[in-house]
Amino acid sequence: MKYLKIGELIMNIKISVLIVFCLTQLLVLTGCQKIASDKQIIIKPACQNLVAGYSVQNRPIEYFVIGTGNDITFIMGAIHGDEPASAAVVRTLIEHLKSNPQLLKGRMVILIPVANPDGLAASTRFNARGIDLNRNFEAVNRINKPEYGAAGLDEPESVAIKELLLKYKPDRIISLHQPFACIDYDGPAGDIALKMSQYCDLEVKKLGARPGSLGSYAGVTLGIPIITIELCESDSGLNEEQLWHRYGQMMLAAVMYPQNAVWNPFK
């Protein structure tokens, strides 16, 4: 009887070890990681890498969806291909949000690092058909000109952006540009602009709604708060780490609005 009980005890221990092993593997497969230092389980935010459409030259227009909350921020870089720092800032923000899931409680962020992949590849403002995509939206102030497109939303890149806006219905939009070194806004976005300006050296400056721009379309026509960040011309010479130290707090302020940005300079 004594040996029987010992045998049952050993069997129970083996079963317990097997259960713990299976649970650990399940956590890994579902995107969870166990941190050895404090033995807490950190659940990474859901992150999807998707394609919104294709450019004139058939390059994918990639975008990322991070988080699952109801407060939605739409962030876009490089709608003008000769503004490369804008793409670098968005890429760095993607990595920061993936590494800091605590920032995304109740939030979702939609990010397009490069809205104009053909233009970025050619280092030109325009897309492969010579159209300024930021003048190709169906805004009330749109002007039909050869470089703006024969009609609003007649370019695949601008159509892809519009479809994402209609799909996700963001609470605010952040569009990054160069080189005028300021924070512009359209629609009901004045408070967001002031909040973001507290975390960087860029001043809030109204540049005026450009004809057929995303600012005019989203901010005026659709009534979505939209911020146009104009980075400095010299920012093209900075690497991603330098850009993040210069603009990281500002970008987090946009994501976390109206709360204060949580800043970790080492991430």
C-alpha atoms as a PDB file:
ATOM      1  CA  MET A   1       0.000   0.000   0.000  1.00  0.00           C
ATOM      2  CA  LYS A   2       2.844   2.359   0.918  1.00  0.00           C
ATOM      3  CA  TYR A   3       4.571   1.849  -2.435  1.00  0.00           C
ATOM      4  CA  LEU A   4       1.257   2.268  -4.226  1.00  0.00           C
ATOM      5  CA  LYS A   5       0.748   5.716  -2.674  1.00  0.00           C
ATOM      6  CA  ILE A   6       4.277   6.741  -3.605  1.00  0.00           C
ATOM      7  CA  GLY A   7       3.606   5.612  -7.165  1.00  0.00           C
ATOM      8  CA  GLU A   8       0.401   7.670  -7.283  1.00  0.00           C
ATOM      9  CA  LEU A   9       2.263  10.712  -5.963  1.00  0.00           C
ATOM     10  CA  ILE A  10       4.956  10.405  -8.638  1.00  0.00           C
ATOM     11  CA  MET A  11       2.273  10.053 -11.312  1.00  0.00           C
ATOM     12  CA  ASN A  12       0.456  13.185 -10.057  1.00  0.00           C
ATOM     13  CA  ILE A  13       3.710  15.159 -10.148  1.00  0.00           C
ATOM     14  CA  LYS A  14       4.359  14.063 -13.743  1.00  0.00           C
ATOM     15  CA  ILE A  15       0.839  15.126 -14.756  1.00  0.00           C
ATOM     16  CA  SER A  16       1.275  18.522 -13.065  1.00  0.00           C
ATOM     17  CA  VAL A  17       4.576  19.118 -14.885  1.00  0.00           C
ATOM     18  CA  LEU A  18       2.941  18.190 -18.175  1.00  0.00           C
ATOM     19  CA  ILE A  19       0.055  20.617 -17.576  1.00  0.00           C
ATOM     20  CA  VAL A  20       2.457  23.470 -16.755  1.00  0.00           C
ATOM     21  CA  PHE A  21       4.472  22.730 -19.910  1.00  0.00           C
ATOM     22  CA  CYS A  22       1.352  22.738 -22.092  1.00  0.00           C
ATOM     23  CA  LEU A  23       0.119  26.028 -20.607  1.00  0.00           C
ATOM     24  CA  THR A  24       3.527  27.631 -21.183  1.00  0.00           C
ATOM     25  CA  GLN A  25       3.508  26.578 -24.829  1.00  0.00           C
ATOM     26  CA  LEU A  26      -0.039  27.903 -25.231  1.00  0.00           C
ATOM     27  CA  LEU A  27       1.000  31.309 -23.877  1.00  0.00           C
ATOM     28  CA  VAL A  28       3.906  31.473 -26.321  1.00  0.00           C
ATOM     29  CA  LEU A  29       1.698  30.537 -29.259  1.00  0.00           C
ATOM     30  CA  THR A  30      -0.865  33.230 -28.370  1.00  0.00           C
ATOM     31  CA  GLY A  31       1.754  35.978 -28.312  1.00  0.00           C
ATOM     32  CA  CYS A  32       2.488  36.016 -24.605  1.00  0.00           C
ATOM     33  CA  GLN A  33       5.954  36.106 -23.116  1.00  0.00           C
ATOM     34  CA  LYS A  34       7.068  35.265 -19.614  1.00  0.00           C
ATOM     35  CA  ILE A  35       9.560  37.734 -18.144  1.00  0.00           C
ATOM     36  CA  ALA A  36      12.030  35.895 -15.901  1.00  0.00           C
ATOM     37  CA  SER A  37      12.970  38.929 -13.808  1.00  0.00           C
ATOM     38  CA  ASP A  38       9.574  39.401 -12.186  1.00  0.00           C
ATOM     39  CA  LYS A  39       7.715  36.334 -13.517  1.00  0.00           C
ATOM     40  CA  GLN A  40       4.895  38.490 -14.884  1.00  0.00           C
ATOM     41  CA  ILE A  41       3.179  37.631 -18.126  1.00  0.00           C
ATOM     42  CA  ILE A  42       3.219  40.481 -20.652  1.00  0.00           C
ATOM     43  CA  ILE A  43       0.605  40.257 -23.391  1.00  0.00           C
ATOM     44  CA  LYS A  44       1.801  41.970 -26.545  1.00  0.00           C
ATOM     45  CA  PRO A  45      -0.748  44.107 -28.423  1.00  0.00           C
ATOM     46  CA  ALA A  46      -2.298  42.600 -31.512  1.00  0.00           C
ATOM     47  CA  CYS A  47      -0.265  43.722 -34.525  1.00  0.00           C
ATOM     48  CA  GLN A  48      -1.296  43.082 -38.106  1.00  0.00           C
ATOM     49  CA  ASN A  49       0.833  43.866 -41.162  1.00  0.00           C
ATOM     50  CA  LEU A  50      -1.590  44.361 -44.047  1.00  0.00           C
ATOM     51  CA  VAL A  51      -1.727  45.785 -47.573  1.00  0.00           C
ATOM     52  CA  ALA A  52      -4.152  48.623 -48.327  1.00  0.00           C
ATOM     53  CA  GLY A  53      -3.597  48.522 -52.069  1.00  0.00           C
ATOM     54  CA  TYR A  54      -0.930  48.875 -54.723  1.00  0.00           C
ATOM     55  CA  SER A  55       0.788  51.877 -56.273  1.00  0.00           C
ATOM     56  CA  VAL A  56       0.878  52.758 -59.949  1.00  0.00           C
ATOM     57  CA  GLN A  57       4.053  50.661 -60.284  1.00  0.00           C
ATOM     58  CA  ASN A  58       2.458  47.823 -58.303  1.00  0.00           C
ATOM     59  CA  ARG A  59       4.340  48.387 -55.044  1.00  0.00           C
ATOM     60  CA  PRO A  60       2.344  47.363 -51.950  1.00  0.00           C
ATOM     61  CA  ILE A  61       1.016  50.124 -49.708  1.00  0.00           C
ATOM     62  CA  GLU A  62       1.616  48.476 -46.370  1.00  0.00           C
ATOM     63  CA  TYR A  63      -0.094  49.437 -43.159  1.00  0.00           C
ATOM     64  CA  PHE A  64      -0.047  48.191 -39.593  1.00  0.00           C
ATOM     65  CA  VAL A  65      -2.895  47.808 -37.098  1.00  0.00           C
ATOM     66  CA  ILE A  66      -1.706  47.754 -33.486  1.00  0.00           C
ATOM     67  CA  GLY A  67      -4.062  47.362 -30.529  1.00  0.00           C
ATOM     68  CA  THR A  68      -7.749  46.555 -30.367  1.00  0.00           C
ATOM     69  CA  GLY A  69      -9.340  49.505 -28.540  1.00  0.00           C
ATOM     70  CA  ASN A  70     -12.093  51.900 -29.595  1.00  0.00           C
ATOM     71  CA  ASP A  71      -9.953  55.062 -29.534  1.00  0.00           C
ATOM     72  CA  ILE A  72      -8.430  55.052 -33.030  1.00  0.00           C
ATOM     73  CA  THR A  73      -5.510  57.116 -34.340  1.00  0.00           C
ATOM     74  CA  PHE A  74      -4.560  57.040 -38.026  1.00  0.00           C
ATOM     75  CA  ILE A  75      -0.902  57.922 -38.721  1.00  0.00           C
ATOM     76  CA  MET A  76       0.668  58.263 -42.166  1.00  0.00           C
ATOM     77  CA  GLY A  77       4.075  59.105 -43.575  1.00  0.00           C
ATOM     78  CA  ALA A  78       5.626  59.775 -46.986  1.00  0.00           C
ATOM     79  CA  ILE A  79       2.608  60.744 -49.065  1.00  0.00           C
ATOM     80  CA  HIS A  80       5.303  62.860 -50.707  1.00  0.00           C
ATOM     81  CA  GLY A  81       8.230  60.666 -51.700  1.00  0.00           C
ATOM     82  CA  ASP A  82      10.855  63.353 -51.149  1.00  0.00           C
ATOM     83  CA  GLU A  83      10.049  63.564 -47.413  1.00  0.00           C
ATOM     84  CA  PRO A  84      11.832  60.427 -46.128  1.00  0.00           C
ATOM     85  CA  ALA A  85      12.076  61.441 -42.464  1.00  0.00           C
ATOM     86  CA  SER A  86       8.295  61.138 -42.207  1.00  0.00           C
ATOM     87  CA  ALA A  87       8.460  57.429 -43.078  1.00  0.00           C
ATOM     88  CA  ALA A  88      11.293  56.837 -40.602  1.00  0.00           C
ATOM     89  CA  VAL A  89       9.338  58.403 -37.731  1.00  0.00           C
ATOM     90  CA  VAL A  90       6.298  56.215 -38.441  1.00  0.00           C
ATOM     91  CA  ARG A  91       8.419  53.046 -38.651  1.00  0.00           C
ATOM     92  CA  THR A  92      10.065  53.820 -35.319  1.00  0.00           C
ATOM     93  CA  LEU A  93       6.684  54.502 -33.711  1.00  0.00           C
ATOM     94  CA  ILE A  94       5.471  51.093 -34.893  1.00  0.00           C
ATOM     95  CA  GLU A  95       8.340  49.340 -33.131  1.00  0.00           C
ATOM     96  CA  HIS A  96       7.867  51.401 -29.965  1.00  0.00           C
ATOM     97  CA  LEU A  97       4.160  50.582 -29.735  1.00  0.00           C
ATOM     98  CA  LYS A  98       4.822  46.889 -30.312  1.00  0.00           C
ATOM     99  CA  SER A  99       7.355  46.916 -27.464  1.00  0.00           C
ATOM    100  CA  ASN A 100       5.183  48.922 -25.052  1.00  0.00           C
ATOM    101  CA  PRO A 101       1.724  47.313 -24.955  1.00  0.00           C
ATOM    102  CA  GLN A 102       0.765  49.190 -21.795  1.00  0.00           C
ATOM    103  CA  LEU A 103       0.374  52.345 -23.893  1.00  0.00           C
ATOM    104  CA  LEU A 104      -2.421  50.855 -25.971  1.00  0.00           C
ATOM    105  CA  LYS A 105      -5.050  49.990 -23.386  1.00  0.00           C
ATOM    106  CA  GLY A 106      -8.342  50.919 -25.030  1.00  0.00           C
ATOM    107  CA  ARG A 107      -6.548  52.149 -28.158  1.00  0.00           C
ATOM    108  CA  MET A 108      -5.962  51.133 -31.753  1.00  0.00           C
ATOM    109  CA  VAL A 109      -3.400  52.738 -34.052  1.00  0.00           C
ATOM    110  CA  ILE A 110      -3.434  52.459 -37.854  1.00  0.00           C
ATOM    111  CA  LEU A 111      -0.038  53.304 -39.366  1.00  0.00           C
ATOM    112  CA  ILE A 112       1.083  53.716 -42.994  1.00  0.00           C
ATOM    113  CA  PRO A 113       4.847  54.281 -43.082  1.00  0.00           C
ATOM    114  CA  VAL A 114       4.936  54.983 -46.842  1.00  0.00           C
ATOM    115  CA  ALA A 115       1.774  56.167 -48.574  1.00  0.00           C
ATOM    116  CA  ASN A 116       3.610  56.891 -51.837  1.00  0.00           C
ATOM    117  CA  PRO A 117       6.057  53.995 -52.373  1.00  0.00           C
ATOM    118  CA  ASP A 118       6.805  54.872 -56.014  1.00  0.00           C
ATOM    119  CA  GLY A 119       7.618  58.456 -55.082  1.00  0.00           C
ATOM    120  CA  LEU A 120       9.857  57.351 -52.210  1.00  0.00           C
ATOM    121  CA  ALA A 121      11.730  54.952 -54.495  1.00  0.00           C
ATOM    122  CA  ALA A 122      12.324  57.807 -56.960  1.00  0.00           C
ATOM    123  CA  SER A 123      12.856  60.502 -54.272  1.00  0.00           C
ATOM    124  CA  THR A 124      10.154  62.654 -55.836  1.00  0.00           C
ATOM    125  CA  ARG A 125       7.110  64.441 -54.434  1.00  0.00           C
ATOM    126  CA  PHE A 126       4.761  62.875 -56.968  1.00  0.00           C
ATOM    127  CA  ASN A 127       3.566  59.369 -57.710  1.00  0.00           C
ATOM    128  CA  ALA A 128       4.662  57.463 -60.840  1.00  0.00           C
ATOM    129  CA  ARG A 129       2.117  59.339 -62.973  1.00  0.00           C
ATOM    130  CA  GLY A 130       3.383  62.720 -61.828  1.00  0.00           C
ATOM    131  CA  ILE A 131       0.397  63.398 -59.548  1.00  0.00           C
ATOM    132  CA  ASP A 132       0.663  65.132 -56.178  1.00  0.00           C
ATOM    133  CA  LEU A 133      -1.299  62.678 -54.048  1.00  0.00           C
ATOM    134  CA  ASN A 134      -1.897  65.294 -51.371  1.00  0.00           C
ATOM    135  CA  ARG A 135      -3.932  67.285 -53.894  1.00  0.00           C
ATOM    136  CA  ASN A 136      -5.920  64.310 -55.194  1.00  0.00           C
ATOM    137  CA  PHE A 137      -8.670  64.026 -52.583  1.00  0.00           C
ATOM    138  CA  GLU A 138     -12.357  64.924 -53.042  1.00  0.00           C
ATOM    139  CA  ALA A 139     -12.244  68.024 -50.882  1.00  0.00           C
ATOM    140  CA  VAL A 140     -14.610  70.939 -51.393  1.00  0.00           C
ATOM    141  CA  ASN A 141     -11.659  73.167 -52.365  1.00  0.00           C
ATOM    142  CA  ARG A 142     -10.173  70.750 -54.904  1.00  0.00           C
ATOM    143  CA  ILE A 143      -8.792  72.144 -58.187  1.00  0.00           C
ATOM    144  CA  ASN A 144      -8.500  70.069 -61.362  1.00  0.00           C
ATOM    145  CA  LYS A 145      -4.967  70.518 -62.640  1.00  0.00           C
ATOM    146  CA  PRO A 146      -2.702  68.071 -64.499  1.00  0.00           C
ATOM    147  CA  GLU A 147      -0.427  67.618 -61.471  1.00  0.00           C
ATOM    148  CA  TYR A 148      -3.422  67.224 -59.129  1.00  0.00           C
ATOM    149  CA  GLY A 149      -5.152  64.555 -61.218  1.00  0.00           C
ATOM    150  CA  ALA A 150      -8.005  64.779 -63.696  1.00  0.00           C
ATOM    151  CA  ALA A 151     -10.482  64.048 -60.901  1.00  0.00           C
ATOM    152  CA  GLY A 152     -10.424  63.553 -57.168  1.00  0.00           C
ATOM    153  CA  LEU A 153      -9.318  60.108 -56.044  1.00  0.00           C
ATOM    154  CA  ASP A 154      -8.268  58.931 -59.477  1.00  0.00           C
ATOM    155  CA  GLU A 155      -4.948  57.558 -58.189  1.00  0.00           C
ATOM    156  CA  PRO A 156      -4.641  54.136 -56.538  1.00  0.00           C
ATOM    157  CA  GLU A 157      -2.632  55.482 -53.600  1.00  0.00           C
ATOM    158  CA  SER A 158      -5.184  58.130 -52.603  1.00  0.00           C
ATOM    159  CA  VAL A 159      -8.021  55.622 -53.044  1.00  0.00           C
ATOM    160  CA  ALA A 160      -6.261  53.223 -50.656  1.00  0.00           C
ATOM    161  CA  ILE A 161      -5.988  55.967 -48.021  1.00  0.00           C
ATOM    162  CA  LYS A 162      -9.651  56.900 -48.375  1.00  0.00           C
ATOM    163  CA  GLU A 163     -10.758  53.283 -48.033  1.00  0.00           C
ATOM    164  CA  LEU A 164      -8.782  52.900 -44.801  1.00  0.00           C
ATOM    165  CA  LEU A 165     -10.376  56.046 -43.381  1.00  0.00           C
ATOM    166  CA  LEU A 166     -13.843  54.745 -44.203  1.00  0.00           C
ATOM    167  CA  LYS A 167     -13.026  51.301 -42.835  1.00  0.00           C
ATOM    168  CA  TYR A 168     -11.530  52.323 -39.478  1.00  0.00           C
ATOM    169  CA  LYS A 169     -13.263  55.702 -38.910  1.00  0.00           C
ATOM    170  CA  PRO A 170     -10.376  57.189 -36.861  1.00  0.00           C
ATOM    171  CA  ASP A 171     -10.888  59.687 -34.065  1.00  0.00           C
ATOM    172  CA  ARG A 172      -7.875  61.684 -35.318  1.00  0.00           C
ATOM    173  CA  ILE A 173      -5.381  61.640 -38.162  1.00  0.00           C
ATOM    174  CA  ILE A 174      -1.674  62.480 -38.045  1.00  0.00           C
ATOM    175  CA  SER A 175       0.021  63.060 -41.407  1.00  0.00           C
ATOM    176  CA  LEU A 176       3.784  63.631 -41.430  1.00  0.00           C
ATOM    177  CA  HIS A 177       5.544  65.861 -43.947  1.00  0.00           C
ATOM    178  CA  GLN A 178       8.655  67.989 -44.454  1.00  0.00           C
ATOM    179  CA  PRO A 179      10.164  70.621 -44.468  1.00  0.00           C
ATOM    180  CA  PHE A 180       8.288  73.571 -42.881  1.00  0.00           C
ATOM    181  CA  ALA A 181       9.030  72.753 -39.217  1.00  0.00           C
ATOM    182  CA  CYS A 182       5.623  73.326 -37.635  1.00  0.00           C
ATOM    183  CA  ILE A 183       2.393  71.674 -36.524  1.00  0.00           C
ATOM    184  CA  ASP A 184      -0.543  72.510 -38.775  1.00  0.00           C
ATOM    185  CA  TYR A 185      -4.104  71.265 -38.373  1.00  0.00           C
ATOM    186  CA  ASP A 186      -7.490  71.164 -40.053  1.00  0.00           C
ATOM    187  CA  GLY A 187     -10.918  70.473 -38.655  1.00  0.00           C
ATOM    188  CA  PRO A 188     -11.512  70.351 -34.882  1.00  0.00           C
ATOM    189  CA  ALA A 189      -7.877  69.535 -34.053  1.00  0.00           C
ATOM    190  CA  GLY A 190      -6.602  72.692 -32.339  1.00  0.00           C
ATOM    191  CA  ASP A 191      -6.389  71.117 -28.878  1.00  0.00           C
ATOM    192  CA  ILE A 192      -4.533  68.080 -30.214  1.00  0.00           C
ATOM    193  CA  ALA A 193      -2.046  70.324 -32.006  1.00  0.00           C
ATOM    194  CA  LEU A 194      -1.356  72.285 -28.811  1.00  0.00           C
ATOM    195  CA  LYS A 195      -0.930  69.054 -26.843  1.00  0.00           C
ATOM    196  CA  MET A 196       1.594  67.696 -29.321  1.00  0.00           C
ATOM    197  CA  SER A 197       3.529  70.957 -29.403  1.00  0.00           C
ATOM    198  CA  GLN A 198       4.243  70.587 -25.671  1.00  0.00           C
ATOM    199  CA  TYR A 199       6.488  67.604 -26.437  1.00  0.00           C
ATOM    200  CA  CYS A 200       8.691  68.957 -29.223  1.00  0.00           C
ATOM    201  CA  ASP A 201      10.269  72.134 -30.599  1.00  0.00           C
ATOM    202  CA  LEU A 202       7.696  72.549 -33.376  1.00  0.00           C
ATOM    203  CA  GLU A 203       5.246  75.435 -33.025  1.00  0.00           C
ATOM    204  CA  VAL A 204       1.583  75.337 -33.994  1.00  0.00           C
ATOM    205  CA  LYS A 205       1.140  77.299 -37.215  1.00  0.00           C
ATOM    206  CA  LYS A 206      -1.904  77.393 -39.483  1.00  0.00           C
ATOM    207  CA  LEU A 207      -0.693  77.082 -43.068  1.00  0.00           C
ATOM    208  CA  GLY A 208      -4.169  77.066 -44.583  1.00  0.00           C
ATOM    209  CA  ALA A 209      -6.083  74.218 -46.194  1.00  0.00           C
ATOM    210  CA  ARG A 210      -4.442  73.264 -49.486  1.00  0.00           C
ATOM    211  CA  PRO A 211      -6.776  72.422 -52.396  1.00  0.00           C
ATOM    212  CA  GLY A 212      -7.592  68.738 -52.547  1.00  0.00           C
ATOM    213  CA  SER A 213      -5.283  67.888 -49.654  1.00  0.00           C
ATOM    214  CA  LEU A 214      -5.893  65.172 -47.100  1.00  0.00           C
ATOM    215  CA  GLY A 215      -6.197  67.954 -44.524  1.00  0.00           C
ATOM    216  CA  SER A 216      -9.006  69.578 -46.503  1.00  0.00           C
ATOM    217  CA  TYR A 217     -10.728  66.268 -47.235  1.00  0.00           C
ATOM    218  CA  ALA A 218     -10.536  64.749 -43.752  1.00  0.00           C
ATOM    219  CA  GLY A 219     -10.646  67.907 -41.633  1.00  0.00           C
ATOM    220  CA  VAL A 220     -13.108  70.057 -43.562  1.00  0.00           C
ATOM    221  CA  THR A 221     -15.174  67.662 -45.699  1.00  0.00           C
ATOM    222  CA  LEU A 222     -15.362  64.732 -43.245  1.00  0.00           C
ATOM    223  CA  GLY A 223     -14.906  66.693 -40.002  1.00  0.00           C
ATOM    224  CA  ILE A 224     -12.155  64.425 -38.632  1.00  0.00           C
ATOM    225  CA  PRO A 225      -9.475  66.190 -36.552  1.00  0.00           C
ATOM    226  CA  ILE A 226      -6.275  66.048 -38.595  1.00  0.00           C
ATOM    227  CA  ILE A 227      -2.770  67.152 -37.696  1.00  0.00           C
ATOM    228  CA  THR A 228      -0.164  67.845 -40.367  1.00  0.00           C
ATOM    229  CA  ILE A 229       3.301  67.530 -38.860  1.00  0.00           C
ATOM    230  CA  GLU A 230       5.929  69.399 -40.859  1.00  0.00           C
ATOM    231  CA  LEU A 231       9.331  68.053 -39.845  1.00  0.00           C
ATOM    232  CA  CYS A 232      12.531  69.989 -40.458  1.00  0.00           C
ATOM    233  CA  GLU A 233      14.366  69.733 -43.769  1.00  0.00           C
ATOM    234  CA  SER A 234      17.525  68.706 -41.916  1.00  0.00           C
ATOM    235  CA  ASP A 235      15.698  65.734 -40.372  1.00  0.00           C
ATOM    236  CA  SER A 236      16.430  63.720 -43.521  1.00  0.00           C
ATOM    237  CA  GLY A 237      20.024  63.484 -42.310  1.00  0.00           C
ATOM    238  CA  LEU A 238      19.078  61.918 -38.961  1.00  0.00           C
ATOM    239  CA  ASN A 239      18.823  58.214 -38.251  1.00  0.00           C
ATOM    240  CA  GLU A 240      15.733  56.618 -36.715  1.00  0.00           C
ATOM    241  CA  GLU A 241      17.084  56.761 -33.164  1.00  0.00           C
ATOM    242  CA  GLN A 242      17.845  60.481 -33.483  1.00  0.00           C
ATOM    243  CA  LEU A 243      14.421  61.154 -34.993  1.00  0.00           C
ATOM    244  CA  TRP A 244      12.742  59.249 -32.183  1.00  0.00           C
ATOM    245  CA  HIS A 245      14.516  61.265 -29.512  1.00  0.00           C
ATOM    246  CA  ARG A 246      13.437  64.454 -31.279  1.00  0.00           C
ATOM    247  CA  TYR A 247       9.820  63.533 -32.044  1.00  0.00           C
ATOM    248  CA  GLY A 248       8.949  60.403 -30.061  1.00  0.00           C
ATOM    249  CA  GLN A 249       7.152  62.189 -27.233  1.00  0.00           C
ATOM    250  CA  MET A 250       5.154  64.227 -29.722  1.00  0.00           C
ATOM    251  CA  MET A 251       3.965  61.093 -31.530  1.00  0.00           C
ATOM    252  CA  LEU A 252       3.027  59.363 -28.268  1.00  0.00           C
ATOM    253  CA  ALA A 253       1.064  62.464 -27.267  1.00  0.00           C
ATOM    254  CA  ALA A 254      -1.020  62.039 -30.428  1.00  0.00           C
ATOM    255  CA  VAL A 255      -1.696  58.363 -29.724  1.00  0.00           C
ATOM    256  CA  MET A 256      -2.509  58.911 -26.035  1.00  0.00           C
ATOM    257  CA  TYR A 257      -4.509  62.132 -26.398  1.00  0.00           C
ATOM    258  CA  PRO A 258      -5.999  63.602 -24.244  1.00  0.00           C
ATOM    259  CA  GLN A 259      -3.736  61.931 -21.680  1.00  0.00           C
ATOM    260  CA  ASN A 260      -0.144  62.991 -21.242  1.00  0.00           C
ATOM    261  CA  ALA A 261       2.506  61.154 -23.216  1.00  0.00           C
ATOM    262  CA  VAL A 262       4.393  58.440 -21.338  1.00  0.00           C
ATOM    263  CA  TRP A 263       8.021  58.797 -22.275  1.00  0.00           C
ATOM    264  CA  ASN A 264      10.758  56.188 -22.070  1.00  0.00           C
ATOM    265  CA  PRO A 265      13.881  57.561 -23.787  1.00  0.00           C
ATOM    266  CA  PHE A 266      15.514  54.122 -23.797  1.00  0.00           C
ATOM    267  CA  LYS A 267      12.831  52.468 -25.951  1.00  0.00           C
END
